[in-house]
Amino acid sequence: MGIEREQVVSLIIDKVRDIDPPALAERGNGLSEHTALFGKEGLFDSLGLVALIVDVEQGLADLVDAPITLGDDRAMSQSRSPFRTVGALADYAMLLLDEHARN
């Protein structure tokens, strides 16, 4: 049984709500895959983003019963950050989950 992208988007949104960054209340708590996580319009500063990445990694590891690392050199070297939006992070997580499933 594979993990669907919608599950990953929901997991990320749940983790954002768990952290409850101050900017979330200012935006009326509306979250979607288009929500900016980091950058000029983002919900998180760098420390908050690290907390989110750790929480999402743990959530993904629980789903697949194996460690998944989102915050690695590969992610940092991409021309478009996988941490810019919920959807971008979900896409990057799906890529890593797919690679994990093939190994």
N, C-alpha and C. Protein backbone atom coordinates (compact mmCIF):
# COMPACT_ATOMS: atom_id res chain seq x y z
N MET A 1 0.85 -1.19 0.00
CA MET A 1 0.00 0.00 0.00
C MET A 1 0.88 1.24 0.00
N GLY A 2 0.72 2.08 -1.00
CA GLY A 2 1.52 3.29 -1.10
C GLY A 2 0.86 4.45 -0.38
N ILE A 3 1.66 5.44 -0.14
CA ILE A 3 1.18 6.65 0.51
C ILE A 3 0.78 7.64 -0.57
N GLU A 4 -0.38 8.21 -0.43
CA GLU A 4 -0.90 9.17 -1.39
C GLU A 4 -0.41 10.58 -1.06
N ARG A 5 -0.27 11.40 -2.08
CA ARG A 5 0.18 12.78 -1.88
C ARG A 5 -0.74 13.53 -0.92
N GLU A 6 -2.05 13.28 -1.03
CA GLU A 6 -3.01 13.97 -0.16
C GLU A 6 -2.73 13.66 1.31
N GLN A 7 -2.28 12.43 1.61
CA GLN A 7 -1.92 12.08 2.99
C GLN A 7 -0.74 12.92 3.46
N VAL A 8 0.21 13.11 2.58
CA VAL A 8 1.40 13.89 2.94
C VAL A 8 1.03 15.36 3.13
N VAL A 9 0.20 15.90 2.26
CA VAL A 9 -0.26 17.28 2.41
C VAL A 9 -0.98 17.44 3.75
N SER A 10 -1.86 16.50 4.07
CA SER A 10 -2.59 16.55 5.34
C SER A 10 -1.65 16.46 6.53
N LEU A 11 -0.65 15.60 6.43
CA LEU A 11 0.34 15.47 7.50
C LEU A 11 1.07 16.79 7.72
N ILE A 12 1.51 17.42 6.65
CA ILE A 12 2.22 18.70 6.76
C ILE A 12 1.32 19.76 7.38
N ILE A 13 0.09 19.85 6.90
CA ILE A 13 -0.85 20.83 7.45
C ILE A 13 -1.10 20.58 8.93
N ASP A 14 -1.26 19.32 9.32
CA ASP A 14 -1.44 18.99 10.74
C ASP A 14 -0.25 19.43 11.56
N LYS A 15 0.96 19.21 11.04
CA LYS A 15 2.17 19.59 11.78
C LYS A 15 2.29 21.11 11.88
N VAL A 16 1.89 21.83 10.82
CA VAL A 16 1.89 23.30 10.89
C VAL A 16 0.93 23.75 11.98
N ARG A 17 -0.25 23.16 12.02
CA ARG A 17 -1.23 23.53 13.05
C ARG A 17 -0.72 23.20 14.45
N ASP A 18 -0.03 22.06 14.59
CA ASP A 18 0.54 21.69 15.89
C ASP A 18 1.54 22.73 16.38
N ILE A 19 2.38 23.23 15.48
CA ILE A 19 3.37 24.24 15.85
C ILE A 19 2.70 25.59 16.08
N ASP A 20 1.66 25.88 15.31
CA ASP A 20 0.86 27.09 15.46
C ASP A 20 1.70 28.37 15.41
N PRO A 21 2.37 28.62 14.28
CA PRO A 21 3.17 29.84 14.19
C PRO A 21 2.29 31.08 14.28
N PRO A 22 2.80 32.19 14.85
CA PRO A 22 2.00 33.40 15.00
C PRO A 22 1.35 33.88 13.70
N ALA A 23 2.04 33.73 12.59
CA ALA A 23 1.49 34.19 11.31
C ALA A 23 0.25 33.41 10.89
N LEU A 24 0.07 32.22 11.44
CA LEU A 24 -1.10 31.41 11.07
C LEU A 24 -2.39 32.07 11.52
N ALA A 25 -2.44 32.58 12.73
CA ALA A 25 -3.65 33.25 13.23
C ALA A 25 -3.95 34.51 12.42
N GLU A 26 -2.90 35.20 12.00
CA GLU A 26 -3.07 36.42 11.21
C GLU A 26 -3.72 36.12 9.86
N ARG A 27 -3.57 34.91 9.38
CA ARG A 27 -4.13 34.54 8.08
C ARG A 27 -5.45 33.79 8.20
N GLY A 28 -5.99 33.72 9.40
CA GLY A 28 -7.28 33.08 9.58
C GLY A 28 -7.22 31.57 9.60
N ASN A 29 -6.04 31.01 9.86
CA ASN A 29 -5.86 29.56 9.98
C ASN A 29 -6.14 28.78 8.71
N GLY A 30 -6.38 29.43 7.59
CA GLY A 30 -6.61 28.72 6.34
C GLY A 30 -5.31 28.17 5.78
N LEU A 31 -5.25 26.87 5.60
CA LEU A 31 -4.05 26.23 5.08
C LEU A 31 -4.41 25.38 3.87
N SER A 32 -3.53 25.41 2.88
CA SER A 32 -3.71 24.57 1.70
C SER A 32 -2.32 24.21 1.19
N GLU A 33 -2.26 23.48 0.10
CA GLU A 33 -0.96 23.13 -0.44
C GLU A 33 -0.25 24.36 -1.02
N HIS A 34 -0.95 25.46 -1.17
CA HIS A 34 -0.36 26.69 -1.69
C HIS A 34 0.19 27.61 -0.59
N THR A 35 -0.03 27.23 0.65
CA THR A 35 0.43 28.04 1.78
C THR A 35 1.95 28.12 1.79
N ALA A 36 2.47 29.34 1.86
CA ALA A 36 3.92 29.56 1.93
C ALA A 36 4.42 29.19 3.33
N LEU A 37 5.46 28.37 3.36
CA LEU A 37 6.05 27.97 4.63
C LEU A 37 7.23 28.85 5.01
N PHE A 38 8.01 29.23 4.02
CA PHE A 38 9.26 29.95 4.29
C PHE A 38 9.47 31.01 3.23
N GLY A 39 10.12 32.07 3.59
CA GLY A 39 10.36 33.15 2.65
C GLY A 39 9.54 34.37 3.04
N LYS A 40 9.46 35.30 2.13
CA LYS A 40 8.82 36.59 2.40
C LYS A 40 7.39 36.45 2.93
N GLU A 41 6.60 35.58 2.34
CA GLU A 41 5.21 35.39 2.75
C GLU A 41 5.02 34.17 3.65
N GLY A 42 6.11 33.54 4.05
CA GLY A 42 6.04 32.28 4.77
C GLY A 42 5.58 32.39 6.22
N LEU A 43 5.07 31.29 6.72
CA LEU A 43 4.61 31.21 8.10
C LEU A 43 5.76 31.11 9.10
N PHE A 44 6.91 30.59 8.65
CA PHE A 44 7.98 30.26 9.57
C PHE A 44 9.25 31.06 9.33
N ASP A 45 9.96 31.33 10.43
CA ASP A 45 11.33 31.78 10.32
C ASP A 45 12.20 30.53 10.24
N SER A 46 13.51 30.69 10.20
CA SER A 46 14.37 29.52 10.00
C SER A 46 14.27 28.50 11.13
N LEU A 47 14.17 28.96 12.38
CA LEU A 47 14.04 28.01 13.50
C LEU A 47 12.70 27.27 13.45
N GLY A 48 11.65 27.99 13.13
CA GLY A 48 10.33 27.35 13.00
C GLY A 48 10.30 26.34 11.89
N LEU A 49 10.98 26.66 10.79
CA LEU A 49 11.03 25.73 9.66
C LEU A 49 11.75 24.45 10.05
N VAL A 50 12.83 24.58 10.81
CA VAL A 50 13.56 23.39 11.27
C VAL A 50 12.64 22.53 12.13
N ALA A 51 11.89 23.15 13.02
CA ALA A 51 10.95 22.39 13.87
C ALA A 51 9.92 21.67 13.02
N LEU A 52 9.40 22.35 11.99
CA LEU A 52 8.42 21.72 11.10
C LEU A 52 9.04 20.54 10.37
N ILE A 53 10.24 20.72 9.84
CA ILE A 53 10.90 19.64 9.10
C ILE A 53 11.08 18.41 9.99
N VAL A 54 11.52 18.62 11.23
CA VAL A 54 11.71 17.50 12.15
C VAL A 54 10.38 16.80 12.42
N ASP A 55 9.32 17.58 12.65
CA ASP A 55 8.01 16.99 12.92
C ASP A 55 7.48 16.22 11.71
N VAL A 56 7.66 16.77 10.52
CA VAL A 56 7.19 16.09 9.30
C VAL A 56 8.01 14.82 9.07
N GLU A 57 9.32 14.90 9.27
CA GLU A 57 10.16 13.70 9.13
C GLU A 57 9.68 12.59 10.06
N GLN A 58 9.36 12.95 11.30
CA GLN A 58 8.89 11.94 12.25
C GLN A 58 7.54 11.36 11.80
N GLY A 59 6.66 12.23 11.32
CA GLY A 59 5.36 11.76 10.84
C GLY A 59 5.50 10.82 9.65
N LEU A 60 6.39 11.17 8.73
CA LEU A 60 6.63 10.30 7.57
C LEU A 60 7.26 8.98 8.00
N ALA A 61 8.20 9.04 8.93
CA ALA A 61 8.85 7.83 9.42
C ALA A 61 7.82 6.90 10.07
N ASP A 62 6.86 7.48 10.77
CA ASP A 62 5.80 6.67 11.38
C ASP A 62 4.95 5.99 10.31
N LEU A 63 4.72 6.68 9.19
CA LEU A 63 3.91 6.11 8.11
C LEU A 63 4.60 4.94 7.42
N VAL A 64 5.90 5.06 7.20
CA VAL A 64 6.61 4.04 6.43
C VAL A 64 7.50 3.15 7.29
N ASP A 65 7.52 3.42 8.59
CA ASP A 65 8.32 2.64 9.53
C ASP A 65 9.80 2.61 9.13
N ALA A 66 10.29 3.78 8.70
CA ALA A 66 11.70 3.93 8.32
C ALA A 66 12.03 5.42 8.36
N PRO A 67 13.28 5.75 8.63
CA PRO A 67 13.65 7.18 8.66
C PRO A 67 13.60 7.82 7.28
N ILE A 68 13.05 9.01 7.23
CA ILE A 68 13.00 9.82 6.01
C ILE A 68 13.62 11.16 6.36
N THR A 69 14.64 11.59 5.60
CA THR A 69 15.33 12.84 5.88
C THR A 69 14.99 13.88 4.82
N LEU A 70 14.28 14.92 5.25
CA LEU A 70 13.90 15.99 4.33
C LEU A 70 14.96 17.09 4.26
N GLY A 71 15.57 17.38 5.39
CA GLY A 71 16.52 18.49 5.45
C GLY A 71 17.95 18.04 5.23
N ASP A 72 18.27 17.68 4.00
CA ASP A 72 19.62 17.21 3.69
C ASP A 72 20.26 18.10 2.63
N ASP A 73 21.50 17.79 2.27
CA ASP A 73 22.21 18.58 1.27
C ASP A 73 21.47 18.63 -0.06
N ARG A 74 20.83 17.54 -0.41
CA ARG A 74 20.09 17.47 -1.67
C ARG A 74 18.97 18.52 -1.69
N ALA A 75 18.24 18.62 -0.59
CA ALA A 75 17.16 19.60 -0.51
C ALA A 75 17.70 21.02 -0.56
N MET A 76 18.80 21.24 0.13
CA MET A 76 19.37 22.59 0.21
C MET A 76 20.00 23.03 -1.12
N SER A 77 20.38 22.09 -1.96
CA SER A 77 21.06 22.44 -3.20
C SER A 77 20.11 22.65 -4.38
N GLN A 78 18.84 22.43 -4.18
CA GLN A 78 17.89 22.60 -5.28
C GLN A 78 17.70 24.08 -5.62
N SER A 79 17.48 24.37 -6.88
CA SER A 79 17.31 25.76 -7.29
C SER A 79 16.01 26.35 -6.74
N ARG A 80 15.00 25.51 -6.59
CA ARG A 80 13.73 25.94 -5.97
C ARG A 80 13.56 25.14 -4.70
N SER A 81 13.56 25.83 -3.58
CA SER A 81 13.51 25.17 -2.28
C SER A 81 12.26 24.30 -2.14
N PRO A 82 12.42 23.08 -1.64
CA PRO A 82 11.26 22.24 -1.38
C PRO A 82 10.50 22.69 -0.13
N PHE A 83 11.00 23.72 0.53
CA PHE A 83 10.38 24.20 1.76
C PHE A 83 9.58 25.48 1.57
N ARG A 84 9.36 25.88 0.31
CA ARG A 84 8.70 27.16 0.08
C ARG A 84 7.19 27.09 0.33
N THR A 85 6.54 25.99 0.02
CA THR A 85 5.10 25.85 0.24
C THR A 85 4.78 24.45 0.76
N VAL A 86 3.58 24.29 1.26
CA VAL A 86 3.12 22.97 1.69
C VAL A 86 3.20 21.99 0.52
N GLY A 87 2.73 22.40 -0.65
CA GLY A 87 2.74 21.52 -1.82
C GLY A 87 4.14 21.14 -2.26
N ALA A 88 5.06 22.11 -2.25
CA ALA A 88 6.44 21.81 -2.63
C ALA A 88 7.07 20.81 -1.67
N LEU A 89 6.79 20.97 -0.38
CA LEU A 89 7.32 20.03 0.61
C LEU A 89 6.69 18.65 0.42
N ALA A 90 5.40 18.62 0.12
CA ALA A 90 4.73 17.34 -0.13
C ALA A 90 5.32 16.65 -1.36
N ASP A 91 5.59 17.41 -2.41
CA ASP A 91 6.20 16.83 -3.62
C ASP A 91 7.57 16.24 -3.31
N TYR A 92 8.37 16.98 -2.56
CA TYR A 92 9.71 16.50 -2.22
C TYR A 92 9.62 15.25 -1.33
N ALA A 93 8.70 15.27 -0.37
CA ALA A 93 8.50 14.10 0.49
C ALA A 93 8.07 12.89 -0.34
N MET A 94 7.18 13.10 -1.31
CA MET A 94 6.73 12.00 -2.16
C MET A 94 7.89 11.43 -2.97
N LEU A 95 8.78 12.28 -3.46
CA LEU A 95 9.97 11.82 -4.18
C LEU A 95 10.82 10.92 -3.28
N LEU A 96 11.05 11.35 -2.05
CA LEU A 96 11.85 10.56 -1.12
C LEU A 96 11.14 9.26 -0.73
N LEU A 97 9.83 9.33 -0.53
CA LEU A 97 9.08 8.11 -0.20
C LEU A 97 9.10 7.12 -1.35
N ASP A 98 9.01 7.61 -2.58
CA ASP A 98 9.09 6.76 -3.75
C ASP A 98 10.45 6.10 -3.84
N GLU A 99 11.50 6.87 -3.61
CA GLU A 99 12.85 6.29 -3.62
C GLU A 99 13.01 5.25 -2.53
N HIS A 100 12.47 5.53 -1.36
CA HIS A 100 12.54 4.57 -0.25
C HIS A 100 11.81 3.27 -0.62
N ALA A 101 10.65 3.40 -1.26
CA ALA A 101 9.87 2.21 -1.62
C ALA A 101 10.59 1.34 -2.65
N ARG A 102 11.39 1.97 -3.50
CA ARG A 102 12.11 1.21 -4.52
C ARG A 102 13.37 0.52 -3.99
N ASN A 103 13.82 0.93 -2.82
CA ASN A 103 15.05 0.33 -2.24
C ASN A 103 14.75 -0.80 -1.30
